[in-house]
Amino acid sequence: MANLHLAIAADFLLAEKLLEALEQSELDIEQISAVELESFGEEHSLRFGARAVPQLALDEVDWSQFSHVLFAGKMEQAEILAKAVQAGCLVLDLYGITALIANVPVIVPSINDDMVADIRERNIVALANPQISQLVLALRPLLDQPIQQIFVSSLLPSAYFGDEKVRELAGQTAQLLNGIPLDDDKPRVAFDAVPANVQGEEKALPFSKAFELQFAKILPNLAACTTFHSVQVPVFYGISQMVSVQTEYPLDVENLSQQWQSQAWLDFHENAVITAVQNGENEESNALQISQLLQKNEHSVQFWSVSDEQKFSLAFLSVQLLISVLDY
C-alpha cells in the first residue's frame, strides 16, 4: 500500500519493540510517528532505521494525518482510540480493549486472517490477547481434530500487565533483598504468585468470561470446552503455558511434532525444555517455543509453551496483522 502513514500509540518499551519489528518487515512506510500515551521522558528517543521518529504528546496529535494506528492503550484510554477512528484512521487495537464489541474482529495472524474483512464495520481490528494467540498458534495442527477439552495454565510475567508492573517488580525485589519490608497496603509482586484476575484492569470483568468471549470470536467451536487458569508470577518477561488437550479420536504424537517442526513462527524442541528466561536470553530467535510434549494416553497430550509477550505476541504479531490489513 502506498502512502502508509503510521502512528504508534504505546508506552516507550513497546514502541521500541514495534519499531524493531517494523524494520524487519518489508512494509513501505512513508511516515511514522510515536504518540506518547504515557510521557517517554526527555532522555528517551526512538529511531526507525536511520531516521529519528517524531514523538508526539497527546495534546499535539492530529490523527487525520495518519492512515493507520497501532494502538496499545488501556481501557481508560479508549476515548483516544475513538478519536483516531473518528479522524478516519484504521486502528489496530493491540491490547484488545475493543475486542468484546460486536463487529470488531479479533485476529490471531495466520489463523483467522479472513476476518480482517470485518474491519470496515468500525475501522477497528483487535489483536488477540497474548495468552490466546500463544495457545491458538500452538493448537494449529490440532484444529482439524474433534477436541473435547482444553486446559491451559498461564504463568504471566510482570510485563504482561505493563511497564509499570515491571518497574514495581524490580523495585520490590531490590527492597526485599536489602531487608527492607514492603508497605502493608502495597500489593506484593516480588517473591509471590497471585491470581491474575485481581490485577489492574482484570478486575473489571470476570477473567474467565473475558477470555471466553474473545476466544469465541476466533475459535467459536472450542470456546465452551477451553478452560484458562492464569497466575501472575515474579518473572519480568515471557508467558509460559502448560496445555492439556483431549480429543475424541486417538492422537498421532509423531505427526503432531512433525507439523510443529514445519510450522512458521514456531520452534519445537523434542528433548530440551525451554523456559521464559531462556527464551528471553536468546536474542536471535523470536518465535513461539514448544517443548515437553507428553502423551498422557492415546486421546490426550500435554505440552509446554513459552513466548515473549512483548517482542513476539505483541510486536511481531501486530506487524503481521498490519500486513493482513494492508493486503485487504
Protein backbone atom coordinates (compact mmCIF):
# COMPACT_ATOMS: atom_id res chain seq x y z
CA MET A 1 0.00 0.00 0.00
CA ALA A 2 1.35 3.42 -0.96
CA ASN A 3 1.28 6.40 1.38
CA LEU A 4 1.27 4.41 4.61
CA HIS A 5 1.21 6.99 7.39
CA LEU A 6 1.58 5.11 10.64
CA ALA A 7 1.19 6.18 14.27
CA ILE A 8 2.41 4.03 17.15
CA ALA A 9 0.49 4.85 20.32
CA ALA A 10 2.14 2.92 23.15
CA ASP A 11 4.50 3.14 26.10
CA PHE A 12 8.18 3.60 25.29
CA LEU A 13 9.34 -0.01 25.67
CA LEU A 14 6.61 -1.44 23.45
CA ALA A 15 7.08 1.38 20.92
CA GLU A 16 10.75 0.34 20.64
CA LYS A 17 9.82 -3.28 20.00
CA LEU A 18 7.16 -2.33 17.46
CA LEU A 19 9.69 -0.22 15.55
CA GLU A 20 12.17 -3.12 15.57
CA ALA A 21 9.51 -5.46 14.18
CA LEU A 22 8.51 -2.94 11.52
CA GLU A 23 12.17 -2.52 10.49
CA GLN A 24 12.42 -6.27 9.91
CA SER A 25 9.32 -6.27 7.71
CA GLU A 26 9.17 -5.25 4.06
CA LEU A 27 6.49 -2.63 4.59
CA ASP A 28 6.92 0.65 2.72
CA ILE A 29 6.19 3.24 5.41
CA GLU A 30 6.15 6.82 4.16
CA GLN A 31 5.58 8.45 7.55
CA ILE A 32 5.88 7.08 11.08
CA SER A 33 5.40 8.81 14.44
CA ALA A 34 5.13 7.75 18.06
CA VAL A 35 2.30 9.03 20.23
CA GLU A 36 3.19 9.17 23.92
CA LEU A 37 0.23 7.62 25.71
CA GLU A 38 2.48 8.00 28.74
CA SER A 39 5.33 10.51 28.71
CA PHE A 40 8.52 8.90 27.42
CA GLY A 41 10.72 11.37 29.29
CA GLU A 42 13.26 13.71 27.75
CA GLU A 43 16.06 11.13 27.79
CA HIS A 44 14.18 8.62 25.61
CA SER A 45 14.26 8.82 21.82
CA LEU A 46 13.17 6.42 19.09
CA ARG A 47 14.62 5.56 15.69
CA PHE A 48 13.28 3.75 12.65
CA GLY A 49 16.27 2.66 10.64
CA ALA A 50 18.43 5.70 10.05
CA ARG A 51 15.77 8.27 10.85
CA ALA A 52 14.56 9.70 14.12
CA VAL A 53 10.92 9.06 14.93
CA PRO A 54 8.86 12.12 15.88
CA GLN A 55 7.44 11.75 19.40
CA LEU A 56 4.11 13.47 19.88
CA ALA A 57 2.34 14.36 23.09
CA LEU A 58 -1.36 13.54 23.14
CA ASP A 59 -2.41 17.18 23.06
CA GLU A 60 -0.49 17.82 19.82
CA VAL A 61 -1.66 14.83 17.78
CA ASP A 62 -3.64 15.40 14.60
CA TRP A 63 -5.00 11.91 13.96
CA SER A 64 -6.19 12.87 10.49
CA GLN A 65 -2.53 12.87 9.37
CA PHE A 66 -2.34 9.10 9.81
CA SER A 67 -3.84 6.26 7.79
CA HIS A 68 -3.20 3.51 10.38
CA VAL A 69 -2.64 3.43 14.13
CA LEU A 70 -1.02 0.71 16.24
CA PHE A 71 -2.84 1.46 19.49
CA ALA A 72 -1.59 -0.10 22.73
CA GLY A 73 -3.70 1.80 25.24
CA LYS A 74 -5.56 0.73 28.34
CA MET A 75 -9.31 0.75 28.86
CA GLU A 76 -9.30 4.24 30.37
CA GLN A 77 -7.67 5.49 27.14
CA ALA A 78 -10.46 4.18 24.91
CA GLU A 79 -11.57 7.74 24.16
CA ILE A 80 -8.21 8.35 22.46
CA LEU A 81 -8.77 5.32 20.24
CA ALA A 82 -12.24 6.62 19.38
CA LYS A 83 -10.78 9.98 18.31
CA ALA A 84 -8.39 8.23 15.93
CA VAL A 85 -11.27 6.27 14.40
CA GLN A 86 -13.38 9.42 14.04
CA ALA A 87 -10.48 11.07 12.22
CA GLY A 88 -10.56 8.30 9.61
CA CYS A 89 -7.74 6.08 10.83
CA LEU A 90 -7.79 2.29 10.66
CA VAL A 91 -6.93 1.30 14.23
CA LEU A 92 -5.20 -1.93 15.23
CA ASP A 93 -6.10 -2.42 18.89
CA LEU A 94 -3.11 -4.29 20.31
CA TYR A 95 -4.42 -4.73 23.87
CA GLY A 96 -7.92 -5.78 22.79
CA ILE A 97 -9.82 -3.10 24.70
CA THR A 98 -12.43 -3.20 21.91
CA ALA A 99 -12.34 -6.98 21.46
CA LEU A 100 -15.70 -7.58 23.12
CA ILE A 101 -17.54 -5.01 20.98
CA ALA A 102 -19.83 -6.50 18.34
CA ASN A 103 -18.44 -6.38 14.78
CA VAL A 104 -14.85 -5.79 15.94
CA PRO A 105 -12.84 -8.75 14.61
CA VAL A 106 -10.31 -10.40 16.92
CA ILE A 107 -7.40 -11.85 14.98
CA VAL A 108 -4.63 -14.36 15.56
CA PRO A 109 -2.48 -13.84 12.45
CA SER A 110 -2.28 -16.92 10.19
CA ILE A 111 -5.30 -18.47 11.95
CA ASN A 112 -8.34 -16.33 11.10
CA ASP A 113 -6.99 -13.65 8.76
CA ASP A 114 -10.17 -13.84 6.68
CA MET A 115 -11.99 -11.98 9.46
CA VAL A 116 -9.87 -8.88 8.77
CA ALA A 117 -12.50 -8.02 6.16
CA ASP A 118 -14.80 -7.03 9.03
CA ILE A 119 -12.51 -4.10 9.90
CA ARG A 120 -14.66 -1.82 7.77
CA GLU A 121 -17.59 -2.25 10.16
CA ARG A 122 -15.96 0.06 12.74
CA ASN A 123 -12.48 0.77 11.32
CA ILE A 124 -11.05 -1.27 14.21
CA VAL A 125 -9.43 -4.69 14.38
CA ALA A 126 -8.23 -6.23 17.65
CA LEU A 127 -5.15 -8.37 18.09
CA ALA A 128 -5.89 -11.39 20.26
CA ASN A 129 -4.65 -11.33 23.84
CA PRO A 130 -1.11 -12.80 24.08
CA GLN A 131 -2.40 -15.75 26.12
CA ILE A 132 -4.91 -16.58 23.42
CA SER A 133 -2.57 -16.13 20.45
CA GLN A 134 0.07 -18.29 22.14
CA LEU A 135 -2.46 -21.06 22.74
CA VAL A 136 -4.12 -20.88 19.32
CA LEU A 137 -0.85 -20.93 17.38
CA ALA A 138 0.26 -23.98 19.37
CA LEU A 139 -3.07 -25.71 18.70
CA ARG A 140 -2.95 -25.09 14.96
CA PRO A 141 -2.05 -28.70 13.95
CA LEU A 142 -4.89 -29.98 16.17
CA LEU A 143 -7.67 -27.72 14.91
CA ASP A 144 -8.98 -30.33 12.47
CA GLN A 145 -9.39 -32.82 15.34
CA PRO A 146 -12.66 -33.24 17.30
CA ILE A 147 -11.31 -31.68 20.51
CA GLN A 148 -13.25 -32.48 23.66
CA GLN A 149 -11.38 -30.46 26.29
CA ILE A 150 -8.52 -27.97 26.57
CA PHE A 151 -6.95 -26.92 29.87
CA VAL A 152 -4.34 -24.16 29.84
CA SER A 153 -2.45 -22.77 32.82
CA SER A 154 -0.76 -19.45 32.01
CA LEU A 155 2.09 -18.10 34.13
CA LEU A 156 2.10 -14.37 33.46
CA PRO A 157 5.14 -12.08 33.87
CA SER A 158 5.03 -8.51 35.09
CA ALA A 159 5.43 -7.22 31.52
CA TYR A 160 2.03 -8.72 30.65
CA PHE A 161 0.48 -6.10 32.94
CA GLY A 162 2.57 -3.22 31.59
CA ASP A 163 5.86 -1.40 32.01
CA GLU A 164 4.84 0.00 35.40
CA LYS A 165 4.45 -3.52 36.81
CA VAL A 166 7.97 -4.40 35.58
CA ARG A 167 9.39 -1.43 37.47
CA GLU A 168 7.34 -2.41 40.50
CA LEU A 169 8.75 -5.96 40.47
CA ALA A 170 12.32 -4.66 40.13
CA GLY A 171 11.84 -2.18 42.97
CA GLN A 172 10.21 -4.65 45.34
CA THR A 173 12.82 -7.32 44.61
CA ALA A 174 15.68 -4.94 45.42
CA GLN A 175 13.89 -3.67 48.52
CA LEU A 176 13.25 -7.14 49.95
CA LEU A 177 16.75 -8.39 49.12
CA ASN A 178 18.09 -5.45 51.13
CA GLY A 179 15.96 -6.47 54.10
CA ILE A 180 13.51 -3.58 53.81
CA PRO A 181 9.88 -4.68 54.35
CA LEU A 182 7.15 -3.56 51.96
CA ASP A 183 4.33 -1.28 53.00
CA ASP A 184 1.35 -3.28 54.23
CA ASP A 185 -1.03 -1.55 51.82
CA LYS A 186 1.11 -2.20 48.72
CA PRO A 187 0.19 -5.21 46.53
CA ARG A 188 3.12 -7.60 46.54
CA VAL A 189 4.52 -8.88 43.25
CA ALA A 190 8.07 -9.91 44.25
CA PHE A 191 8.67 -13.45 45.53
CA ASP A 192 4.96 -14.23 45.31
CA ALA A 193 2.28 -15.57 42.96
CA VAL A 194 -1.27 -14.26 42.74
CA PRO A 195 -4.35 -14.95 40.59
CA ALA A 196 -4.22 -12.74 37.50
CA ASN A 197 -7.84 -11.66 37.83
CA VAL A 198 -7.13 -9.46 40.87
CA GLN A 199 -4.62 -7.32 38.95
CA GLY A 200 -5.45 -3.92 37.45
CA GLU A 201 -7.99 -3.94 34.64
CA GLU A 202 -8.55 -7.69 35.01
CA LYS A 203 -10.85 -6.84 37.93
CA ALA A 204 -13.32 -5.07 35.65
CA LEU A 205 -14.67 -8.23 34.00
CA PRO A 206 -14.53 -11.78 35.34
CA PHE A 207 -11.33 -13.17 33.86
CA SER A 208 -12.77 -16.40 32.50
CA LYS A 209 -15.71 -14.55 30.94
CA ALA A 210 -13.47 -12.04 29.15
CA PHE A 211 -11.41 -14.84 27.67
CA GLU A 212 -14.44 -16.89 26.74
CA LEU A 213 -15.90 -14.00 24.75
CA GLN A 214 -12.65 -13.12 22.97
CA PHE A 215 -11.71 -16.75 22.29
CA ALA A 216 -15.19 -17.38 20.87
CA LYS A 217 -14.58 -14.82 18.12
CA ILE A 218 -11.52 -16.78 16.96
CA LEU A 219 -12.42 -20.44 17.53
CA PRO A 220 -16.15 -20.47 18.34
CA ASN A 221 -16.35 -24.26 18.31
CA LEU A 222 -13.75 -24.57 21.08
CA ALA A 223 -14.79 -21.76 23.42
CA ALA A 224 -17.08 -23.90 25.55
CA CYS A 225 -14.51 -26.65 26.08
CA THR A 226 -11.50 -24.45 26.89
CA THR A 227 -10.54 -23.53 30.45
CA PHE A 228 -7.92 -20.90 31.31
CA HIS A 229 -6.10 -20.68 34.64
CA SER A 230 -3.91 -17.59 34.85
CA VAL A 231 -1.41 -16.68 37.56
CA GLN A 232 0.92 -13.70 37.88
CA VAL A 233 4.42 -14.88 38.76
CA PRO A 234 7.55 -12.92 39.77
CA VAL A 235 9.15 -13.06 36.32
CA PHE A 236 9.88 -9.94 34.27
CA TYR A 237 9.16 -11.15 30.72
CA GLY A 238 7.77 -14.22 28.96
CA ILE A 239 4.43 -16.04 29.15
CA SER A 240 4.63 -19.76 29.94
CA GLN A 241 1.71 -22.12 29.34
CA MET A 242 1.11 -25.72 30.32
CA VAL A 243 -1.56 -27.09 27.98
CA SER A 244 -3.53 -30.33 28.09
CA VAL A 245 -5.67 -31.36 25.11
CA GLN A 246 -8.14 -34.23 24.99
CA THR A 247 -9.64 -35.38 21.68
CA GLU A 248 -12.37 -37.77 20.63
CA TYR A 249 -10.09 -39.78 18.34
CA PRO A 250 -6.57 -41.12 19.02
CA LEU A 251 -3.74 -38.64 18.50
CA ASP A 252 -0.61 -39.22 16.45
CA VAL A 253 2.09 -37.52 18.54
CA GLU A 254 4.80 -38.08 15.94
CA ASN A 255 2.69 -36.35 13.29
CA LEU A 256 1.97 -33.50 15.72
CA SER A 257 5.67 -32.94 16.39
CA GLN A 258 6.43 -33.01 12.65
CA GLN A 259 3.79 -30.37 11.97
CA TRP A 260 5.20 -28.16 14.72
CA GLN A 261 8.68 -28.53 13.22
CA SER A 262 7.44 -27.21 9.88
CA GLN A 263 5.12 -24.50 11.27
CA ALA A 264 6.10 -20.87 10.74
CA TRP A 265 6.83 -18.66 13.77
CA LEU A 266 7.31 -21.73 15.98
CA ASP A 267 10.30 -23.69 17.30
CA PHE A 268 9.67 -27.22 18.56
CA HIS A 269 12.16 -28.78 20.99
CA GLU A 270 11.91 -32.55 21.23
CA ASN A 271 14.40 -33.03 24.07
CA ALA A 272 15.13 -29.68 25.76
CA VAL A 273 12.68 -27.81 27.99
CA ILE A 274 12.63 -24.09 27.15
CA THR A 275 11.81 -21.62 29.93
CA ALA A 276 10.71 -18.00 29.74
CA VAL A 277 14.13 -16.78 30.88
CA GLN A 278 16.00 -18.97 28.36
CA ASN A 279 13.74 -17.72 25.58
CA GLY A 280 14.33 -14.11 26.59
CA GLU A 281 18.10 -14.58 26.61
CA ASN A 282 18.08 -15.91 23.03
CA GLU A 283 18.01 -12.64 21.11
CA GLU A 284 18.44 -14.37 17.75
CA SER A 285 15.08 -16.15 17.98
CA ASN A 286 11.66 -14.53 18.03
CA ALA A 287 9.16 -17.37 17.90
CA LEU A 288 6.76 -19.43 19.95
CA GLN A 289 8.74 -22.15 21.76
CA ILE A 290 7.13 -25.55 22.37
CA SER A 291 8.72 -28.33 24.40
CA GLN A 292 7.96 -31.23 26.77
CA LEU A 293 5.38 -32.91 24.54
CA LEU A 294 3.92 -35.80 26.51
CA GLN A 295 1.21 -38.27 25.50
CA LYS A 296 -0.85 -38.99 28.61
CA ASN A 297 -2.95 -41.59 26.76
CA GLU A 298 -3.94 -42.17 23.15
CA HIS A 299 -6.59 -39.43 23.35
CA SER A 300 -4.70 -36.71 25.22
CA VAL A 301 -1.43 -34.79 25.06
CA GLN A 302 0.29 -32.25 27.24
CA PHE A 303 2.88 -29.67 26.20
CA TRP A 304 4.73 -26.61 27.48
CA SER A 305 4.95 -23.37 25.50
CA VAL A 306 6.81 -20.10 26.02
CA SER A 307 6.78 -16.79 24.17
CA ASP A 308 7.97 -13.23 24.68
CA GLU A 309 4.66 -11.41 25.06
CA GLN A 310 6.22 -8.06 24.11
CA LYS A 311 8.58 -8.97 21.27
CA PHE A 312 6.57 -11.84 19.73
CA SER A 313 2.91 -11.79 20.82
CA LEU A 314 2.51 -8.00 20.64
CA ALA A 315 5.19 -6.52 18.36
CA PHE A 316 5.74 -9.29 15.79
CA LEU A 317 2.10 -10.38 15.56
CA SER A 318 0.99 -6.73 15.36
CA VAL A 319 3.12 -6.26 12.26
CA GLN A 320 1.70 -9.47 10.77
CA LEU A 321 -1.80 -8.15 11.47
CA LEU A 322 -0.91 -4.83 9.84
CA ILE A 323 0.29 -6.71 6.75
CA SER A 324 -3.06 -8.55 6.60
CA VAL A 325 -4.97 -5.27 6.94
CA LEU A 326 -2.94 -3.70 4.14
CA ASP A 327 -3.44 -6.74 1.90
CA TYR A 328 -7.17 -6.45 2.44
